[in-house]
Amino acid sequence: MSRLPLQKKNYMWLAIGLAVIVLGFVLMSGGGDHTATEFDESIFSFRRITLAPIVVIAGFVIEIFAIMKRFPNEDK
């Protein structure tokens, strides 16, 4: 059997990081009226301007951690 480059824990952390990134993009989306005649102030909310980008960056940090971290070998 060929060895995978990462271990099971690494793939688990990759999935967690992906879920955090998706959560960040969900926090950025939605809201507002999509007409050209009205302006909606909700695009400047704390959730969209501050929280969501921090969550997305945290997800990318988790992805880097998941790729770089070496866990003790489970095969032994």
Protein backbone atom coordinates (compact mmCIF):
# COMPACT_ATOMS: atom_id res chain seq x y z
CA MET A 1 0.00 0.00 0.00
CA SER A 2 1.37 3.42 -0.91
CA ARG A 3 1.81 5.95 1.85
CA LEU A 4 -0.19 9.14 1.77
CA PRO A 5 1.83 12.33 2.17
CA LEU A 6 -0.27 13.42 5.16
CA GLN A 7 -1.74 11.52 8.06
CA LYS A 8 -5.37 11.16 9.08
CA LYS A 9 -5.11 14.02 11.61
CA ASN A 10 -3.74 16.32 8.91
CA TYR A 11 -6.72 15.63 6.67
CA MET A 12 -9.06 16.22 9.61
CA TRP A 13 -7.45 19.65 10.20
CA LEU A 14 -7.70 20.40 6.46
CA ALA A 15 -11.44 19.71 6.60
CA ILE A 16 -11.82 21.92 9.68
CA GLY A 17 -9.91 24.73 7.94
CA LEU A 18 -12.09 24.43 4.86
CA ALA A 19 -15.23 24.60 7.01
CA VAL A 20 -13.93 27.75 8.74
CA ILE A 21 -13.19 29.38 5.36
CA VAL A 22 -16.68 28.54 4.09
CA LEU A 23 -18.16 29.95 7.32
CA GLY A 24 -16.24 33.19 6.73
CA PHE A 25 -17.62 33.55 3.22
CA VAL A 26 -21.14 32.80 4.46
CA LEU A 27 -20.72 35.59 7.03
CA MET A 28 -19.75 37.97 4.21
CA SER A 29 -22.75 37.14 2.03
CA GLY A 30 -26.38 38.12 2.02
CA GLY A 31 -28.40 41.11 3.02
CA GLY A 32 -29.31 44.25 1.27
CA ASP A 33 -31.78 45.23 -1.38
CA HIS A 34 -30.52 44.63 -4.90
CA THR A 35 -32.15 47.58 -6.60
CA ALA A 36 -30.21 50.35 -8.25
CA THR A 37 -32.33 53.09 -6.71
CA GLU A 38 -31.81 52.29 -3.02
CA PHE A 39 -28.61 52.12 -1.00
CA ASP A 40 -28.40 49.64 1.84
CA GLU A 41 -26.09 50.46 4.77
CA SER A 42 -25.96 46.83 5.90
CA ILE A 43 -22.96 46.18 3.65
CA PHE A 44 -20.89 48.13 6.18
CA SER A 45 -21.82 45.99 9.18
CA PHE A 46 -19.22 44.72 11.65
CA ARG A 47 -19.95 41.15 10.59
CA ARG A 48 -19.08 41.78 6.93
CA ILE A 49 -16.23 44.27 7.28
CA THR A 50 -14.36 42.88 10.29
CA LEU A 51 -15.53 39.49 11.53
CA ALA A 52 -15.83 37.62 8.23
CA PRO A 53 -12.32 38.48 6.92
CA ILE A 54 -10.80 37.49 10.28
CA VAL A 55 -12.63 34.14 10.13
CA VAL A 56 -11.43 33.52 6.55
CA ILE A 57 -7.82 34.35 7.46
CA ALA A 58 -8.08 32.05 10.50
CA GLY A 59 -9.25 29.29 8.16
CA PHE A 60 -6.21 29.77 5.94
CA VAL A 61 -3.95 29.68 9.01
CA ILE A 62 -5.56 26.37 10.00
CA GLU A 63 -4.91 25.07 6.46
CA ILE A 64 -1.22 26.01 6.71
CA PHE A 65 -1.02 24.35 10.12
CA ALA A 66 -2.69 21.21 8.76
CA ILE A 67 -0.17 20.92 5.93
CA MET A 68 2.96 21.76 7.91
CA LYS A 69 2.31 19.93 11.21
CA ARG A 70 3.81 16.49 11.64
CA PHE A 71 1.92 14.33 14.10
CA PRO A 72 3.48 11.26 15.73
CA ASN A 73 3.28 8.27 13.42
CA GLU A 74 0.07 6.28 13.89
CA ASP A 75 1.42 3.12 12.21
CA LYS A 76 3.63 2.06 15.10
